[in-house]
Amino acid sequence: MYQWYKTLTTTELKDGEMREAMAGDKQICLLKRNDVVYAFPALCPHQSARLCEGWLDPRGHIVCPLHKYHFNPANGYNSSGEGYKLKTYPVEIRGDEIFIGILS
Protein backbone atom coordinates (compact mmCIF):
# COMPACT_ATOMS: atom_id res chain seq x y z
CA MET A 1 0.00 0.00 0.00
CA TYR A 2 1.31 3.42 -0.93
CA GLN A 3 1.65 6.39 1.37
CA TRP A 4 1.24 9.53 -0.77
CA TYR A 5 3.36 12.62 -0.15
CA LYS A 6 2.80 16.09 -1.54
CA THR A 7 5.98 17.50 -3.06
CA LEU A 8 6.05 20.39 -5.55
CA THR A 9 3.38 21.95 -7.73
CA THR A 10 3.30 21.49 -11.49
CA THR A 11 4.01 25.21 -11.92
CA GLU A 12 7.19 24.92 -9.81
CA LEU A 13 8.61 22.27 -12.14
CA LYS A 14 9.38 23.44 -15.68
CA ASP A 15 9.38 21.08 -18.66
CA GLY A 16 12.80 19.43 -19.02
CA GLU A 17 13.76 20.36 -15.46
CA MET A 18 14.82 18.08 -12.60
CA ARG A 19 14.39 19.19 -8.98
CA GLU A 20 14.88 17.53 -5.63
CA ALA A 21 12.07 17.23 -3.09
CA MET A 22 11.24 15.21 0.01
CA ALA A 23 8.62 12.43 0.02
CA GLY A 24 8.33 11.37 3.64
CA ASP A 25 11.92 10.63 4.69
CA LYS A 26 13.13 10.00 1.12
CA GLN A 27 15.05 12.56 -0.91
CA ILE A 28 13.76 12.19 -4.46
CA CYS A 29 14.28 13.84 -7.82
CA LEU A 30 11.34 14.95 -9.93
CA LEU A 31 11.55 15.34 -13.69
CA LYS A 32 8.92 16.94 -15.88
CA ARG A 33 9.15 16.05 -19.57
CA ASN A 34 6.41 16.64 -22.16
CA ASP A 35 4.01 17.40 -19.28
CA VAL A 36 4.62 14.00 -17.63
CA VAL A 37 6.19 13.97 -14.16
CA TYR A 38 8.59 11.19 -13.15
CA ALA A 39 9.99 10.48 -9.69
CA PHE A 40 13.12 8.55 -8.70
CA PRO A 41 15.73 8.61 -5.91
CA ALA A 42 17.91 11.70 -5.76
CA LEU A 43 21.07 9.57 -5.75
CA CYS A 44 22.41 7.38 -8.54
CA PRO A 45 22.34 3.64 -7.70
CA HIS A 46 25.97 3.30 -8.82
CA GLN A 47 27.95 5.71 -6.61
CA SER A 48 25.35 8.08 -5.16
CA ALA A 49 25.92 11.09 -7.39
CA ARG A 50 23.09 13.66 -7.24
CA LEU A 51 20.97 12.89 -10.32
CA CYS A 52 19.33 16.33 -10.34
CA GLU A 53 22.78 17.75 -11.12
CA GLY A 54 22.78 15.65 -14.31
CA TRP A 55 20.97 16.34 -17.57
CA LEU A 56 18.73 14.69 -20.15
CA ASP A 57 20.09 13.02 -23.26
CA PRO A 58 18.31 13.48 -26.64
CA ARG A 59 15.96 10.57 -25.82
CA GLY A 60 14.94 12.18 -22.53
CA HIS A 61 16.94 9.76 -20.40
CA ILE A 62 18.58 11.00 -17.21
CA VAL A 63 22.38 11.23 -17.39
CA CYS A 64 24.26 10.83 -14.11
CA PRO A 65 26.75 13.70 -13.70
CA LEU A 66 29.50 11.48 -12.25
CA HIS A 67 29.96 8.56 -14.68
CA LYS A 68 27.46 9.49 -17.41
CA TYR A 69 25.21 6.45 -16.91
CA HIS A 70 21.83 6.89 -18.63
CA PHE A 71 18.49 5.93 -17.07
CA ASN A 72 15.01 5.83 -18.57
CA PRO A 73 12.83 7.91 -16.19
CA ALA A 74 9.69 5.91 -17.01
CA ASN A 75 10.97 2.52 -15.84
CA GLY A 76 14.45 3.12 -14.36
CA TYR A 77 16.27 0.90 -16.85
CA ASN A 78 19.90 1.68 -17.48
CA SER A 79 20.02 2.50 -21.18
CA SER A 80 23.81 2.85 -21.45
CA GLY A 81 24.47 -0.81 -20.58
CA GLU A 82 26.12 -0.79 -17.14
CA GLY A 83 23.38 -2.93 -15.56
CA TYR A 84 22.22 -0.65 -12.75
CA LYS A 85 18.50 -0.01 -12.32
CA LEU A 86 17.07 3.21 -10.98
CA LYS A 87 14.07 2.82 -8.67
CA THR A 88 11.03 4.78 -9.81
CA TYR A 89 8.05 6.00 -7.79
CA PRO A 90 4.42 6.40 -8.85
CA VAL A 91 3.25 9.98 -9.39
CA GLU A 92 -0.23 11.45 -9.09
CA ILE A 93 -1.17 14.97 -10.09
CA ARG A 94 -4.01 16.34 -7.97
CA GLY A 95 -5.01 19.77 -9.18
CA ASP A 96 -1.59 21.36 -9.57
CA GLU A 97 0.08 19.42 -6.74
CA ILE A 98 2.50 16.54 -7.36
CA PHE A 99 2.15 13.53 -5.06
CA ILE A 100 4.68 10.69 -4.85
CA GLY A 101 3.75 7.18 -3.69
CA ILE A 102 6.11 5.42 -1.29
CA LEU A 103 5.42 1.84 -0.25
CA SER A 104 4.61 1.66 3.44
C-alpha atoms as a PDB file:
ATOM      1  CA  MET A   1       0.000   0.000   0.000  1.00  0.00           C
ATOM      2  CA  TYR A   2       1.310   3.423  -0.934  1.00  0.00           C
ATOM      3  CA  GLN A   3       1.646   6.390   1.372  1.00  0.00           C
ATOM      4  CA  TRP A   4       1.235   9.525  -0.771  1.00  0.00           C
ATOM      5  CA  TYR A   5       3.358  12.620  -0.151  1.00  0.00           C
ATOM      6  CA  LYS A   6       2.801  16.091  -1.539  1.00  0.00           C
ATOM      7  CA  THR A   7       5.982  17.497  -3.060  1.00  0.00           C
ATOM      8  CA  LEU A   8       6.053  20.393  -5.554  1.00  0.00           C
ATOM      9  CA  THR A   9       3.385  21.953  -7.728  1.00  0.00           C
ATOM     10  CA  THR A  10       3.300  21.488 -11.487  1.00  0.00           C
ATOM     11  CA  THR A  11       4.011  25.211 -11.922  1.00  0.00           C
ATOM     12  CA  GLU A  12       7.193  24.924  -9.811  1.00  0.00           C
ATOM     13  CA  LEU A  13       8.613  22.269 -12.142  1.00  0.00           C
ATOM     14  CA  LYS A  14       9.378  23.445 -15.681  1.00  0.00           C
ATOM     15  CA  ASP A  15       9.385  21.077 -18.657  1.00  0.00           C
ATOM     16  CA  GLY A  16      12.800  19.426 -19.018  1.00  0.00           C
ATOM     17  CA  GLU A  17      13.761  20.356 -15.458  1.00  0.00           C
ATOM     18  CA  MET A  18      14.818  18.080 -12.600  1.00  0.00           C
ATOM     19  CA  ARG A  19      14.393  19.189  -8.976  1.00  0.00           C
ATOM     20  CA  GLU A  20      14.882  17.532  -5.634  1.00  0.00           C
ATOM     21  CA  ALA A  21      12.074  17.226  -3.089  1.00  0.00           C
ATOM     22  CA  MET A  22      11.243  15.208   0.010  1.00  0.00           C
ATOM     23  CA  ALA A  23       8.619  12.435   0.022  1.00  0.00           C
ATOM     24  CA  GLY A  24       8.331  11.370   3.636  1.00  0.00           C
ATOM     25  CA  ASP A  25      11.917  10.629   4.692  1.00  0.00           C
ATOM     26  CA  LYS A  26      13.129   9.999   1.124  1.00  0.00           C
ATOM     27  CA  GLN A  27      15.046  12.556  -0.907  1.00  0.00           C
ATOM     28  CA  ILE A  28      13.762  12.195  -4.462  1.00  0.00           C
ATOM     29  CA  CYS A  29      14.283  13.837  -7.819  1.00  0.00           C
ATOM     30  CA  LEU A  30      11.338  14.949  -9.928  1.00  0.00           C
ATOM     31  CA  LEU A  31      11.546  15.337 -13.690  1.00  0.00           C
ATOM     32  CA  LYS A  32       8.923  16.941 -15.880  1.00  0.00           C
ATOM     33  CA  ARG A  33       9.150  16.050 -19.572  1.00  0.00           C
ATOM     34  CA  ASN A  34       6.415  16.644 -22.158  1.00  0.00           C
ATOM     35  CA  ASP A  35       4.008  17.399 -19.280  1.00  0.00           C
ATOM     36  CA  VAL A  36       4.623  14.004 -17.635  1.00  0.00           C
ATOM     37  CA  VAL A  37       6.190  13.972 -14.162  1.00  0.00           C
ATOM     38  CA  TYR A  38       8.588  11.190 -13.155  1.00  0.00           C
ATOM     39  CA  ALA A  39       9.992  10.484  -9.687  1.00  0.00           C
ATOM     40  CA  PHE A  40      13.117   8.554  -8.696  1.00  0.00           C
ATOM     41  CA  PRO A  41      15.729   8.611  -5.905  1.00  0.00           C
ATOM     42  CA  ALA A  42      17.907  11.699  -5.759  1.00  0.00           C
ATOM     43  CA  LEU A  43      21.067   9.571  -5.754  1.00  0.00           C
ATOM     44  CA  CYS A  44      22.410   7.376  -8.544  1.00  0.00           C
ATOM     45  CA  PRO A  45      22.344   3.638  -7.701  1.00  0.00           C
ATOM     46  CA  HIS A  46      25.972   3.300  -8.819  1.00  0.00           C
ATOM     47  CA  GLN A  47      27.954   5.706  -6.606  1.00  0.00           C
ATOM     48  CA  SER A  48      25.347   8.082  -5.157  1.00  0.00           C
ATOM     49  CA  ALA A  49      25.917  11.094  -7.392  1.00  0.00           C
ATOM     50  CA  ARG A  50      23.087  13.656  -7.235  1.00  0.00           C
ATOM     51  CA  LEU A  51      20.970  12.888 -10.320  1.00  0.00           C
ATOM     52  CA  CYS A  52      19.329  16.330 -10.342  1.00  0.00           C
ATOM     53  CA  GLU A  53      22.778  17.745 -11.122  1.00  0.00           C
ATOM     54  CA  GLY A  54      22.781  15.649 -14.307  1.00  0.00           C
ATOM     55  CA  TRP A  55      20.970  16.342 -17.574  1.00  0.00           C
ATOM     56  CA  LEU A  56      18.730  14.693 -20.153  1.00  0.00           C
ATOM     57  CA  ASP A  57      20.086  13.022 -23.262  1.00  0.00           C
ATOM     58  CA  PRO A  58      18.310  13.481 -26.642  1.00  0.00           C
ATOM     59  CA  ARG A  59      15.955  10.565 -25.815  1.00  0.00           C
ATOM     60  CA  GLY A  60      14.936  12.180 -22.532  1.00  0.00           C
ATOM     61  CA  HIS A  61      16.945   9.764 -20.403  1.00  0.00           C
ATOM     62  CA  ILE A  62      18.585  11.001 -17.209  1.00  0.00           C
ATOM     63  CA  VAL A  63      22.380  11.227 -17.393  1.00  0.00           C
ATOM     64  CA  CYS A  64      24.263  10.830 -14.112  1.00  0.00           C
ATOM     65  CA  PRO A  65      26.752  13.701 -13.702  1.00  0.00           C
ATOM     66  CA  LEU A  66      29.503  11.477 -12.255  1.00  0.00           C
ATOM     67  CA  HIS A  67      29.958   8.563 -14.682  1.00  0.00           C
ATOM     68  CA  LYS A  68      27.464   9.488 -17.413  1.00  0.00           C
ATOM     69  CA  TYR A  69      25.209   6.447 -16.906  1.00  0.00           C
ATOM     70  CA  HIS A  70      21.833   6.891 -18.632  1.00  0.00           C
ATOM     71  CA  PHE A  71      18.492   5.935 -17.065  1.00  0.00           C
ATOM     72  CA  ASN A  72      15.012   5.827 -18.568  1.00  0.00           C
ATOM     73  CA  PRO A  73      12.830   7.907 -16.195  1.00  0.00           C
ATOM     74  CA  ALA A  74       9.686   5.914 -17.006  1.00  0.00           C
ATOM     75  CA  ASN A  75      10.974   2.521 -15.842  1.00  0.00           C
ATOM     76  CA  GLY A  76      14.446   3.118 -14.357  1.00  0.00           C
ATOM     77  CA  TYR A  77      16.267   0.899 -16.853  1.00  0.00           C
ATOM     78  CA  ASN A  78      19.900   1.676 -17.477  1.00  0.00           C
ATOM     79  CA  SER A  79      20.021   2.501 -21.181  1.00  0.00           C
ATOM     80  CA  SER A  80      23.811   2.849 -21.451  1.00  0.00           C
ATOM     81  CA  GLY A  81      24.467  -0.809 -20.585  1.00  0.00           C
ATOM     82  CA  GLU A  82      26.118  -0.794 -17.145  1.00  0.00           C
ATOM     83  CA  GLY A  83      23.378  -2.934 -15.562  1.00  0.00           C
ATOM     84  CA  TYR A  84      22.219  -0.653 -12.754  1.00  0.00           C
ATOM     85  CA  LYS A  85      18.496  -0.009 -12.317  1.00  0.00           C
ATOM     86  CA  LEU A  86      17.065   3.210 -10.978  1.00  0.00           C
ATOM     87  CA  LYS A  87      14.074   2.817  -8.670  1.00  0.00           C
ATOM     88  CA  THR A  88      11.028   4.783  -9.807  1.00  0.00           C
ATOM     89  CA  TYR A  89       8.050   5.998  -7.787  1.00  0.00           C
ATOM     90  CA  PRO A  90       4.418   6.401  -8.846  1.00  0.00           C
ATOM     91  CA  VAL A  91       3.255   9.977  -9.393  1.00  0.00           C
ATOM     92  CA  GLU A  92      -0.227  11.450  -9.089  1.00  0.00           C
ATOM     93  CA  ILE A  93      -1.167  14.969 -10.092  1.00  0.00           C
ATOM     94  CA  ARG A  94      -4.011  16.336  -7.974  1.00  0.00           C
ATOM     95  CA  GLY A  95      -5.014  19.773  -9.185  1.00  0.00           C
ATOM     96  CA  ASP A  96      -1.591  21.362  -9.570  1.00  0.00           C
ATOM     97  CA  GLU A  97       0.083  19.418  -6.743  1.00  0.00           C
ATOM     98  CA  ILE A  98       2.498  16.544  -7.362  1.00  0.00           C
ATOM     99  CA  PHE A  99       2.148  13.529  -5.055  1.00  0.00           C
ATOM    100  CA  ILE A 100       4.677  10.692  -4.850  1.00  0.00           C
ATOM    101  CA  GLY A 101       3.748   7.185  -3.689  1.00  0.00           C
ATOM    102  CA  ILE A 102       6.110   5.422  -1.293  1.00  0.00           C
ATOM    103  CA  LEU A 103       5.422   1.835  -0.245  1.00  0.00           C
ATOM    104  CA  SER A 104       4.611   1.662   3.438  1.00  0.00           C
END
